[in-house]
Amino acid sequence: MAEEPRPIEELTFREAMAELDGIVGVLESNTLELEESLASYERGVKLLAALQGRLSQAQQKVDVLMGELVADADDAARDTSLS
């Protein structure tokens, strides 16, 4: 009987990427039965969605941190004229 995979949320980003890479390799090898292929594909889709979500969250954090680096111009330097 096949071992139940770890929940995706428990995997590190690197572990999830490695598992997804393994799934792609197995699917490309065309060695699985239809049912196994579908189950692997489903797991791969879930892994991909989780990875994309994590990347999106990381990008948002980077954007926030980069925004903190940009100092607001003080009122004297700010152009308040209407063009």
PDB file of N, CA and C in Angstrom:
ATOM      1  N   MET A   1       0.829  -1.167   0.000  1.00  0.00           N
ATOM      2  CA  MET A   1       0.000   0.000   0.000  1.00  0.00           C
ATOM      3  C   MET A   1       0.885   1.246   0.000  1.00  0.00           C
ATOM      4  N   ALA A   2       0.512   2.240  -0.794  1.00  0.00           N
ATOM      5  CA  ALA A   2       1.318   3.446  -0.932  1.00  0.00           C
ATOM      6  C   ALA A   2       1.242   4.292   0.332  1.00  0.00           C
ATOM      7  N   GLU A   3       2.379   4.896   0.660  1.00  0.00           N
ATOM      8  CA  GLU A   3       2.432   5.768   1.832  1.00  0.00           C
ATOM      9  C   GLU A   3       1.713   7.074   1.524  1.00  0.00           C
ATOM     10  N   GLU A   4       0.950   7.555   2.482  1.00  0.00           N
ATOM     11  CA  GLU A   4       0.211   8.812   2.324  1.00  0.00           C
ATOM     12  C   GLU A   4       1.214   9.970   2.310  1.00  0.00           C
ATOM     13  N   PRO A   5       1.140  10.863   1.313  1.00  0.00           N
ATOM     14  CA  PRO A   5       2.094  11.981   1.260  1.00  0.00           C
ATOM     15  C   PRO A   5       1.851  12.974   2.400  1.00  0.00           C
ATOM     16  N   ARG A   6       2.907  13.657   2.775  1.00  0.00           N
ATOM     17  CA  ARG A   6       2.783  14.679   3.824  1.00  0.00           C
ATOM     18  C   ARG A   6       1.872  15.797   3.350  1.00  0.00           C
ATOM     19  N   PRO A   7       1.154  16.395   4.261  1.00  0.00           N
ATOM     20  CA  PRO A   7       0.333  17.550   3.874  1.00  0.00           C
ATOM     21  C   PRO A   7       1.222  18.649   3.275  1.00  0.00           C
ATOM     22  N   ILE A   8       0.739  19.284   2.227  1.00  0.00           N
ATOM     23  CA  ILE A   8       1.525  20.273   1.508  1.00  0.00           C
ATOM     24  C   ILE A   8       1.950  21.418   2.417  1.00  0.00           C
ATOM     25  N   GLU A   9       1.075  21.837   3.315  1.00  0.00           N
ATOM     26  CA  GLU A   9       1.403  22.966   4.189  1.00  0.00           C
ATOM     27  C   GLU A   9       2.536  22.647   5.162  1.00  0.00           C
ATOM     28  N   GLU A  10       2.859  21.370   5.332  1.00  0.00           N
ATOM     29  CA  GLU A  10       3.975  20.981   6.204  1.00  0.00           C
ATOM     30  C   GLU A  10       5.306  20.950   5.457  1.00  0.00           C
ATOM     31  N   LEU A  11       5.266  21.006   4.149  1.00  0.00           N
ATOM     32  CA  LEU A  11       6.483  20.945   3.341  1.00  0.00           C
ATOM     33  C   LEU A  11       7.150  22.309   3.264  1.00  0.00           C
ATOM     34  N   THR A  12       8.471  22.298   3.252  1.00  0.00           N
ATOM     35  CA  THR A  12       9.174  23.545   2.983  1.00  0.00           C
ATOM     36  C   THR A  12       9.024  23.847   1.490  1.00  0.00           C
ATOM     37  N   PHE A  13       9.355  25.062   1.121  1.00  0.00           N
ATOM     38  CA  PHE A  13       9.284  25.429  -0.293  1.00  0.00           C
ATOM     39  C   PHE A  13      10.148  24.481  -1.131  1.00  0.00           C
ATOM     40  N   ARG A  14      11.351  24.224  -0.655  1.00  0.00           N
ATOM     41  CA  ARG A  14      12.284  23.356  -1.382  1.00  0.00           C
ATOM     42  C   ARG A  14      11.750  21.930  -1.496  1.00  0.00           C
ATOM     43  N   GLU A  15      11.171  21.419  -0.422  1.00  0.00           N
ATOM     44  CA  GLU A  15      10.606  20.066  -0.452  1.00  0.00           C
ATOM     45  C   GLU A  15       9.439  19.986  -1.434  1.00  0.00           C
ATOM     46  N   ALA A  16       8.587  21.012  -1.426  1.00  0.00           N
ATOM     47  CA  ALA A  16       7.445  21.032  -2.346  1.00  0.00           C
ATOM     48  C   ALA A  16       7.916  21.094  -3.793  1.00  0.00           C
ATOM     49  N   MET A  17       8.949  21.910  -4.050  1.00  0.00           N
ATOM     50  CA  MET A  17       9.498  21.998  -5.408  1.00  0.00           C
ATOM     51  C   MET A  17      10.073  20.651  -5.854  1.00  0.00           C
ATOM     52  N   ALA A  18      10.796  19.998  -4.949  1.00  0.00           N
ATOM     53  CA  ALA A  18      11.397  18.706  -5.273  1.00  0.00           C
ATOM     54  C   ALA A  18      10.318  17.663  -5.553  1.00  0.00           C
ATOM     55  N   GLU A  19       9.260  17.672  -4.753  1.00  0.00           N
ATOM     56  CA  GLU A  19       8.174  16.716  -4.975  1.00  0.00           C
ATOM     57  C   GLU A  19       7.486  16.989  -6.304  1.00  0.00           C
ATOM     58  N   LEU A  20       7.242  18.254  -6.600  1.00  0.00           N
ATOM     59  CA  LEU A  20       6.618  18.607  -7.872  1.00  0.00           C
ATOM     60  C   LEU A  20       7.505  18.182  -9.039  1.00  0.00           C
ATOM     61  N   ASP A  21       8.796  18.411  -8.919  1.00  0.00           N
ATOM     62  CA  ASP A  21       9.736  17.999  -9.965  1.00  0.00           C
ATOM     63  C   ASP A  21       9.695  16.486 -10.159  1.00  0.00           C
ATOM     64  N   GLY A  22       9.623  15.748  -9.061  1.00  0.00           N
ATOM     65  CA  GLY A  22       9.529  14.288  -9.147  1.00  0.00           C
ATOM     66  C   GLY A  22       8.249  13.838  -9.814  1.00  0.00           C
ATOM     67  N   ILE A  23       7.148  14.503  -9.498  1.00  0.00           N
ATOM     68  CA  ILE A  23       5.859  14.166 -10.110  1.00  0.00           C
ATOM     69  C   ILE A  23       5.909  14.408 -11.610  1.00  0.00           C
ATOM     70  N   VAL A  24       6.473  15.545 -11.997  1.00  0.00           N
ATOM     71  CA  VAL A  24       6.587  15.847 -13.436  1.00  0.00           C
ATOM     72  C   VAL A  24       7.411  14.772 -14.130  1.00  0.00           C
ATOM     73  N   GLY A  25       8.519  14.379 -13.512  1.00  0.00           N
ATOM     74  CA  GLY A  25       9.372  13.344 -14.107  1.00  0.00           C
ATOM     75  C   GLY A  25       8.637  12.022 -14.282  1.00  0.00           C
ATOM     76  N   VAL A  26       7.902  11.619 -13.267  1.00  0.00           N
ATOM     77  CA  VAL A  26       7.164  10.352 -13.335  1.00  0.00           C
ATOM     78  C   VAL A  26       6.060  10.430 -14.397  1.00  0.00           C
ATOM     79  N   LEU A  27       5.353  11.560 -14.427  1.00  0.00           N
ATOM     80  CA  LEU A  27       4.289  11.703 -15.424  1.00  0.00           C
ATOM     81  C   LEU A  27       4.850  11.703 -16.839  1.00  0.00           C
ATOM     82  N   GLU A  28       6.005  12.348 -17.013  1.00  0.00           N
ATOM     83  CA  GLU A  28       6.626  12.375 -18.340  1.00  0.00           C
ATOM     84  C   GLU A  28       7.144  11.001 -18.757  1.00  0.00           C
ATOM     85  N   SER A  29       7.466  10.152 -17.786  1.00  0.00           N
ATOM     86  CA  SER A  29       7.989   8.817 -18.107  1.00  0.00           C
ATOM     87  C   SER A  29       6.897   7.888 -18.630  1.00  0.00           C
ATOM     88  N   ASN A  30       5.646   8.273 -18.376  1.00  0.00           N
ATOM     89  CA  ASN A  30       4.509   7.494 -18.871  1.00  0.00           C
ATOM     90  C   ASN A  30       4.530   6.053 -18.363  1.00  0.00           C
ATOM     91  N   THR A  31       4.900   5.868 -17.092  1.00  0.00           N
ATOM     92  CA  THR A  31       4.996   4.524 -16.524  1.00  0.00           C
ATOM     93  C   THR A  31       3.869   4.208 -15.540  1.00  0.00           C
ATOM     94  N   LEU A  32       3.043   5.185 -15.229  1.00  0.00           N
ATOM     95  CA  LEU A  32       1.977   4.976 -14.255  1.00  0.00           C
ATOM     96  C   LEU A  32       0.689   4.530 -14.938  1.00  0.00           C
ATOM     97  N   GLU A  33      -0.114   3.844 -14.166  1.00  0.00           N
ATOM     98  CA  GLU A  33      -1.460   3.521 -14.621  1.00  0.00           C
ATOM     99  C   GLU A  33      -2.279   4.810 -14.608  1.00  0.00           C
ATOM    100  N   LEU A  34      -3.394   4.795 -15.300  1.00  0.00           N
ATOM    101  CA  LEU A  34      -4.229   5.981 -15.426  1.00  0.00           C
ATOM    102  C   LEU A  34      -4.604   6.558 -14.065  1.00  0.00           C
ATOM    103  N   GLU A  35      -5.055   5.715 -13.153  1.00  0.00           N
ATOM    104  CA  GLU A  35      -5.491   6.176 -11.839  1.00  0.00           C
ATOM    105  C   GLU A  35      -4.333   6.822 -11.064  1.00  0.00           C
ATOM    106  N   GLU A  36      -3.157   6.196 -11.145  1.00  0.00           N
ATOM    107  CA  GLU A  36      -1.985   6.754 -10.470  1.00  0.00           C
ATOM    108  C   GLU A  36      -1.575   8.082 -11.107  1.00  0.00           C
ATOM    109  N   SER A  37      -1.683   8.144 -12.428  1.00  0.00           N
ATOM    110  CA  SER A  37      -1.354   9.388 -13.135  1.00  0.00           C
ATOM    111  C   SER A  37      -2.282  10.508 -12.703  1.00  0.00           C
ATOM    112  N   LEU A  38      -3.564  10.218 -12.605  1.00  0.00           N
ATOM    113  CA  LEU A  38      -4.525  11.242 -12.190  1.00  0.00           C
ATOM    114  C   LEU A  38      -4.255  11.708 -10.761  1.00  0.00           C
ATOM    115  N   ALA A  39      -3.969  10.777  -9.876  1.00  0.00           N
ATOM    116  CA  ALA A  39      -3.673  11.135  -8.487  1.00  0.00           C
ATOM    117  C   ALA A  39      -2.393  11.973  -8.418  1.00  0.00           C
ATOM    118  N   SER A  40      -1.386  11.597  -9.165  1.00  0.00           N
ATOM    119  CA  SER A  40      -0.139  12.362  -9.187  1.00  0.00           C
ATOM    120  C   SER A  40      -0.354  13.745  -9.775  1.00  0.00           C
ATOM    121  N   TYR A  41      -1.128  13.814 -10.842  1.00  0.00           N
ATOM    122  CA  TYR A  41      -1.422  15.098 -11.471  1.00  0.00           C
ATOM    123  C   TYR A  41      -2.160  16.015 -10.492  1.00  0.00           C
ATOM    124  N   GLU A  42      -3.135  15.445  -9.777  1.00  0.00           N
ATOM    125  CA  GLU A  42      -3.893  16.223  -8.800  1.00  0.00           C
ATOM    126  C   GLU A  42      -2.967  16.761  -7.705  1.00  0.00           C
ATOM    127  N   ARG A  43      -2.082  15.919  -7.211  1.00  0.00           N
ATOM    128  CA  ARG A  43      -1.125  16.355  -6.185  1.00  0.00           C
ATOM    129  C   ARG A  43      -0.211  17.445  -6.755  1.00  0.00           C
ATOM    130  N   GLY A  44       0.210  17.275  -7.994  1.00  0.00           N
ATOM    131  CA  GLY A  44       1.060  18.274  -8.629  1.00  0.00           C
ATOM    132  C   GLY A  44       0.372  19.620  -8.762  1.00  0.00           C
ATOM    133  N   VAL A  45      -0.895  19.612  -9.120  1.00  0.00           N
ATOM    134  CA  VAL A  45      -1.656  20.863  -9.240  1.00  0.00           C
ATOM    135  C   VAL A  45      -1.755  21.549  -7.880  1.00  0.00           C
ATOM    136  N   LYS A  46      -1.991  20.774  -6.834  1.00  0.00           N
ATOM    137  CA  LYS A  46      -2.079  21.339  -5.480  1.00  0.00           C
ATOM    138  C   LYS A  46      -0.729  21.897  -5.036  1.00  0.00           C
ATOM    139  N   LEU A  47       0.345  21.172  -5.343  1.00  0.00           N
ATOM    140  CA  LEU A  47       1.681  21.662  -5.010  1.00  0.00           C
ATOM    141  C   LEU A  47       1.981  22.965  -5.744  1.00  0.00           C
ATOM    142  N   LEU A  48       1.658  23.001  -7.027  1.00  0.00           N
ATOM    143  CA  LEU A  48       1.910  24.191  -7.829  1.00  0.00           C
ATOM    144  C   LEU A  48       1.148  25.393  -7.283  1.00  0.00           C
ATOM    145  N   ALA A  49      -0.114  25.199  -6.938  1.00  0.00           N
ATOM    146  CA  ALA A  49      -0.920  26.289  -6.390  1.00  0.00           C
ATOM    147  C   ALA A  49      -0.322  26.787  -5.066  1.00  0.00           C
ATOM    148  N   ALA A  50       0.107  25.865  -4.226  1.00  0.00           N
ATOM    149  CA  ALA A  50       0.704  26.244  -2.945  1.00  0.00           C
ATOM    150  C   ALA A  50       2.008  27.000  -3.158  1.00  0.00           C
ATOM    151  N   LEU A  51       2.820  26.535  -4.088  1.00  0.00           N
ATOM    152  CA  LEU A  51       4.091  27.201  -4.373  1.00  0.00           C
ATOM    153  C   LEU A  51       3.862  28.604  -4.932  1.00  0.00           C
ATOM    154  N   GLN A  52       2.906  28.740  -5.827  1.00  0.00           N
ATOM    155  CA  GLN A  52       2.590  30.059  -6.380  1.00  0.00           C
ATOM    156  C   GLN A  52       2.098  30.993  -5.286  1.00  0.00           C
ATOM    157  N   GLY A  53       1.290  30.481  -4.369  1.00  0.00           N
ATOM    158  CA  GLY A  53       0.821  31.289  -3.251  1.00  0.00           C
ATOM    159  C   GLY A  53       1.964  31.746  -2.365  1.00  0.00           C
ATOM    160  N   ARG A  54       2.894  30.843  -2.085  1.00  0.00           N
ATOM    161  CA  ARG A  54       4.042  31.204  -1.252  1.00  0.00           C
ATOM    162  C   ARG A  54       4.911  32.250  -1.945  1.00  0.00           C
ATOM    163  N   LEU A  55       5.102  32.096  -3.258  1.00  0.00           N
ATOM    164  CA  LEU A  55       5.884  33.083  -4.003  1.00  0.00           C
ATOM    165  C   LEU A  55       5.200  34.445  -3.996  1.00  0.00           C
ATOM    166  N   SER A  56       3.902  34.441  -4.130  1.00  0.00           N
ATOM    167  CA  SER A  56       3.142  35.687  -4.100  1.00  0.00           C
ATOM    168  C   SER A  56       3.279  36.371  -2.742  1.00  0.00           C
ATOM    169  N   GLN A  57       3.184  35.595  -1.680  1.00  0.00           N
ATOM    170  CA  GLN A  57       3.349  36.146  -0.327  1.00  0.00           C
ATOM    171  C   GLN A  57       4.756  36.704  -0.142  1.00  0.00           C
ATOM    172  N   ALA A  58       5.745  35.980  -0.640  1.00  0.00           N
ATOM    173  CA  ALA A  58       7.126  36.448  -0.521  1.00  0.00           C
ATOM    174  C   ALA A  58       7.310  37.745  -1.301  1.00  0.00           C
ATOM    175  N   GLN A  59       6.714  37.838  -2.484  1.00  0.00           N
ATOM    176  CA  GLN A  59       6.823  39.057  -3.282  1.00  0.00           C
ATOM    177  C   GLN A  59       6.178  40.231  -2.566  1.00  0.00           C
ATOM    178  N   GLN A  60       5.038  39.995  -1.928  1.00  0.00           N
ATOM    179  CA  GLN A  60       4.378  41.061  -1.176  1.00  0.00           C
ATOM    180  C   GLN A  60       5.251  41.537  -0.022  1.00  0.00           C
ATOM    181  N   LYS A  61       5.900  40.596   0.657  1.00  0.00           N
ATOM    182  CA  LYS A  61       6.788  40.973   1.757  1.00  0.00           C
ATOM    183  C   LYS A  61       7.962  41.796   1.247  1.00  0.00           C
ATOM    184  N   VAL A  62       8.535  41.383   0.109  1.00  0.00           N
ATOM    185  CA  VAL A  62       9.645  42.130  -0.477  1.00  0.00           C
ATOM    186  C   VAL A  62       9.185  43.529  -0.864  1.00  0.00           C
ATOM    187  N   ASP A  63       8.001  43.633  -1.452  1.00  0.00           N
ATOM    188  CA  ASP A  63       7.469  44.942  -1.837  1.00  0.00           C
ATOM    189  C   ASP A  63       7.306  45.850  -0.621  1.00  0.00           C
ATOM    190  N   VAL A  64       6.795  45.299   0.476  1.00  0.00           N
ATOM    191  CA  VAL A  64       6.631  46.079   1.704  1.00  0.00           C
ATOM    192  C   VAL A  64       7.997  46.528   2.225  1.00  0.00           C
ATOM    193  N   LEU A  65       8.949  45.605   2.259  1.00  0.00           N
ATOM    194  CA  LEU A  65      10.278  45.950   2.750  1.00  0.00           C
ATOM    195  C   LEU A  65      10.948  46.990   1.862  1.00  0.00           C
ATOM    196  N   MET A  66      10.783  46.859   0.559  1.00  0.00           N
ATOM    197  CA  MET A  66      11.366  47.844  -0.361  1.00  0.00           C
ATOM    198  C   MET A  66      10.700  49.194  -0.174  1.00  0.00           C
ATOM    199  N   GLY A  67       9.399  49.196   0.090  1.00  0.00           N
ATOM    200  CA  GLY A  67       8.678  50.445   0.340  1.00  0.00           C
ATOM    201  C   GLY A  67       9.179  51.145   1.585  1.00  0.00           C
ATOM    202  N   GLU A  68       9.616  50.367   2.565  1.00  0.00           N
ATOM    203  CA  GLU A  68      10.141  50.951   3.792  1.00  0.00           C
ATOM    204  C   GLU A  68      11.496  51.610   3.560  1.00  0.00           C
ATOM    205  N   LEU A  69      12.198  51.170   2.531  1.00  0.00           N
ATOM    206  CA  LEU A  69      13.508  51.743   2.229  1.00  0.00           C
ATOM    207  C   LEU A  69      13.399  53.099   1.540  1.00  0.00           C
ATOM    208  N   VAL A  70      12.295  53.295   0.833  1.00  0.00           N
ATOM    209  CA  VAL A  70      12.109  54.543   0.105  1.00  0.00           C
ATOM    210  C   VAL A  70      11.582  55.585   1.081  1.00  0.00           C
ATOM    211  N   ALA A  71      12.393  56.593   1.316  1.00  0.00           N
ATOM    212  CA  ALA A  71      11.994  57.646   2.265  1.00  0.00           C
ATOM    213  C   ALA A  71      11.017  58.593   1.580  1.00  0.00           C
ATOM    214  N   ASP A  72       9.990  58.982   2.301  1.00  0.00           N
ATOM    215  CA  ASP A  72       9.053  59.975   1.787  1.00  0.00           C
ATOM    216  C   ASP A  72       9.750  61.322   1.704  1.00  0.00           C
ATOM    217  N   ALA A  73       9.467  62.037   0.629  1.00  0.00           N
ATOM    218  CA  ALA A  73      10.021  63.384   0.502  1.00  0.00           C
ATOM    219  C   ALA A  73       9.356  64.280   1.532  1.00  0.00           C
ATOM    220  N   ASP A  74      10.152  65.173   2.122  1.00  0.00           N
ATOM    221  CA  ASP A  74       9.547  66.081   3.094  1.00  0.00           C
ATOM    222  C   ASP A  74       8.723  67.134   2.355  1.00  0.00           C
ATOM    223  N   ASP A  75       7.899  67.862   3.078  1.00  0.00           N
ATOM    224  CA  ASP A  75       6.988  68.824   2.466  1.00  0.00           C
ATOM    225  C   ASP A  75       7.718  69.881   1.658  1.00  0.00           C
ATOM    226  N   ALA A  76       8.901  70.313   2.095  1.00  0.00           N
ATOM    227  CA  ALA A  76       9.641  71.350   1.382  1.00  0.00           C
ATOM    228  C   ALA A  76      10.119  70.857   0.020  1.00  0.00           C
ATOM    229  N   ALA A  77      10.426  69.586  -0.081  1.00  0.00           N
ATOM    230  CA  ALA A  77      10.927  69.045  -1.335  1.00  0.00           C
ATOM    231  C   ALA A  77       9.821  68.541  -2.240  1.00  0.00           C
ATOM    232  N   ARG A  78       8.657  68.363  -1.710  1.00  0.00           N
ATOM    233  CA  ARG A  78       7.549  67.813  -2.474  1.00  0.00           C
ATOM    234  C   ARG A  78       6.961  68.879  -3.403  1.00  0.00           C
ATOM    235  N   ASP A  79       6.706  68.515  -4.657  1.00  0.00           N
ATOM    236  CA  ASP A  79       6.102  69.425  -5.613  1.00  0.00           C
ATOM    237  C   ASP A  79       4.596  69.449  -5.377  1.00  0.00           C
ATOM    238  N   THR A  80       4.106  70.557  -4.900  1.00  0.00           N
ATOM    239  CA  THR A  80       2.685  70.662  -4.602  1.00  0.00           C
ATOM    240  C   THR A  80       1.952  71.537  -5.613  1.00  0.00           C
ATOM    241  N   SER A  81       2.673  71.960  -6.647  1.00  0.00           N
ATOM    242  CA  SER A  81       2.026  72.809  -7.662  1.00  0.00           C
ATOM    243  C   SER A  81       1.151  71.959  -8.558  1.00  0.00           C
ATOM    244  N   LEU A  82       0.113  72.578  -9.045  1.00  0.00           N
ATOM    245  CA  LEU A  82      -0.782  71.900  -9.972  1.00  0.00           C
ATOM    246  C   LEU A  82      -0.289  72.155 -11.378  1.00  0.00           C
ATOM    247  N   SER A  83      -0.193  71.146 -12.145  1.00  0.00           N
ATOM    248  CA  SER A  83       0.282  71.288 -13.520  1.00  0.00           C
ATOM    249  C   SER A  83      -0.860  71.553 -14.454  1.00  0.00           C
TER     250      SER A  83
END
